[in-house]
Amino acid sequence: MKSLHVIRDPNERLGLEIASRESGQGRVSLLLIQDAVLTRLTLDGLAVYALADDLEARGVKGHARSVDYDEAVRLMVDHDKVVVW
């Protein structure tokens, strides 16, 4: 099962912990939006994406794969489960 965890808050520890645990069970991805794009994550086994408009609005570059709104929607559709934290 493919899971996408959408993280909105840079202090969201539970969501990150659960996503990290799930990474051993299948494909898990993270989508950072809003202030969560300020978080620098390097979690083994997880694909990390960040919403381009939120990166630009906060002046952040290069620590996650940047995606636009269309790509973010594609990520949601391509995963079996989407969890928003």
Protein backbone atom coordinates (compact mmCIF):
# COMPACT_ATOMS: atom_id res chain seq x y z
CA MET A 1 0.00 0.00 0.00
CA LYS A 2 1.30 3.45 -0.91
CA SER A 3 0.79 6.15 1.71
CA LEU A 4 1.14 9.91 1.43
CA HIS A 5 1.50 11.93 4.62
CA VAL A 6 0.78 15.63 4.17
CA ILE A 7 2.55 17.61 6.87
CA ARG A 8 1.45 21.22 7.55
CA ASP A 9 3.24 22.06 10.80
CA PRO A 10 7.04 21.99 11.23
CA ASN A 11 6.54 20.70 14.80
CA GLU A 12 4.40 17.71 13.78
CA ARG A 13 6.33 14.82 15.35
CA LEU A 14 3.61 12.15 15.50
CA GLY A 15 2.95 12.25 11.76
CA LEU A 16 6.65 12.01 10.98
CA GLU A 17 7.10 9.14 13.42
CA ILE A 18 4.19 7.18 11.94
CA ALA A 19 5.37 7.83 8.37
CA SER A 20 8.84 6.64 9.32
CA ARG A 21 7.43 3.44 10.86
CA GLU A 22 5.25 2.79 7.81
CA SER A 23 8.20 3.16 5.45
CA GLY A 24 9.21 -0.44 6.14
CA GLN A 25 5.78 -1.73 5.12
CA GLY A 26 5.54 -0.14 1.68
CA ARG A 27 6.04 3.01 -0.28
CA VAL A 28 5.62 6.10 1.88
CA SER A 29 5.92 9.70 0.75
CA LEU A 30 5.76 13.03 2.56
CA LEU A 31 4.32 16.22 1.14
CA LEU A 32 5.34 19.31 3.08
CA ILE A 33 2.97 22.27 2.82
CA GLN A 34 2.49 25.59 4.61
CA ASP A 35 5.09 26.13 7.39
CA ALA A 36 6.23 22.48 7.27
CA VAL A 37 8.38 23.43 4.24
CA LEU A 38 10.71 25.05 6.79
CA THR A 39 11.54 21.57 8.12
CA ARG A 40 14.66 19.91 6.75
CA LEU A 41 13.95 16.20 6.58
CA THR A 42 16.16 13.31 5.58
CA LEU A 43 14.25 10.18 6.42
CA ASP A 44 15.45 6.89 4.97
CA GLY A 45 12.96 5.19 2.69
CA LEU A 46 10.71 8.23 2.31
CA ALA A 47 10.27 10.40 -0.74
CA VAL A 48 9.98 14.01 0.47
CA TYR A 49 8.15 16.62 -1.60
CA ALA A 50 7.41 20.28 -0.83
CA LEU A 51 4.80 22.56 -2.36
CA ALA A 52 6.60 25.06 -4.62
CA ASP A 53 4.41 28.05 -3.75
CA ASP A 54 5.00 27.53 -0.02
CA LEU A 55 8.76 27.19 -0.57
CA GLU A 56 8.80 30.41 -2.58
CA ALA A 57 6.62 32.31 -0.08
CA ARG A 58 9.03 31.41 2.73
CA GLY A 59 12.25 31.83 0.75
CA VAL A 60 13.28 28.19 1.19
CA LYS A 61 15.25 26.26 -1.44
CA GLY A 62 16.56 22.83 -2.21
CA HIS A 63 15.91 20.48 0.71
CA ALA A 64 12.95 18.58 -0.80
CA ARG A 65 11.68 17.93 -4.29
CA SER A 66 9.57 20.91 -5.27
CA VAL A 67 6.09 20.19 -6.70
CA ASP A 68 3.38 22.48 -8.01
CA TYR A 69 -0.33 22.11 -7.21
CA ASP A 70 -0.97 19.77 -10.16
CA GLU A 71 1.85 17.47 -9.06
CA ALA A 72 0.59 17.55 -5.47
CA VAL A 73 -2.85 16.43 -6.64
CA ARG A 74 -1.22 13.67 -8.72
CA LEU A 75 0.63 12.49 -5.62
CA MET A 76 -2.66 12.29 -3.72
CA VAL A 77 -4.34 10.33 -6.50
CA ASP A 78 -1.37 7.97 -6.97
CA HIS A 79 -1.31 6.90 -3.32
CA ASP A 80 -3.76 4.46 -1.75
CA LYS A 81 -3.95 6.37 1.53
CA VAL A 82 -3.54 10.09 2.23
CA VAL A 83 -3.16 11.33 5.81
CA VAL A 84 -3.08 15.05 6.62
CA TRP A 85 -1.35 16.15 9.82
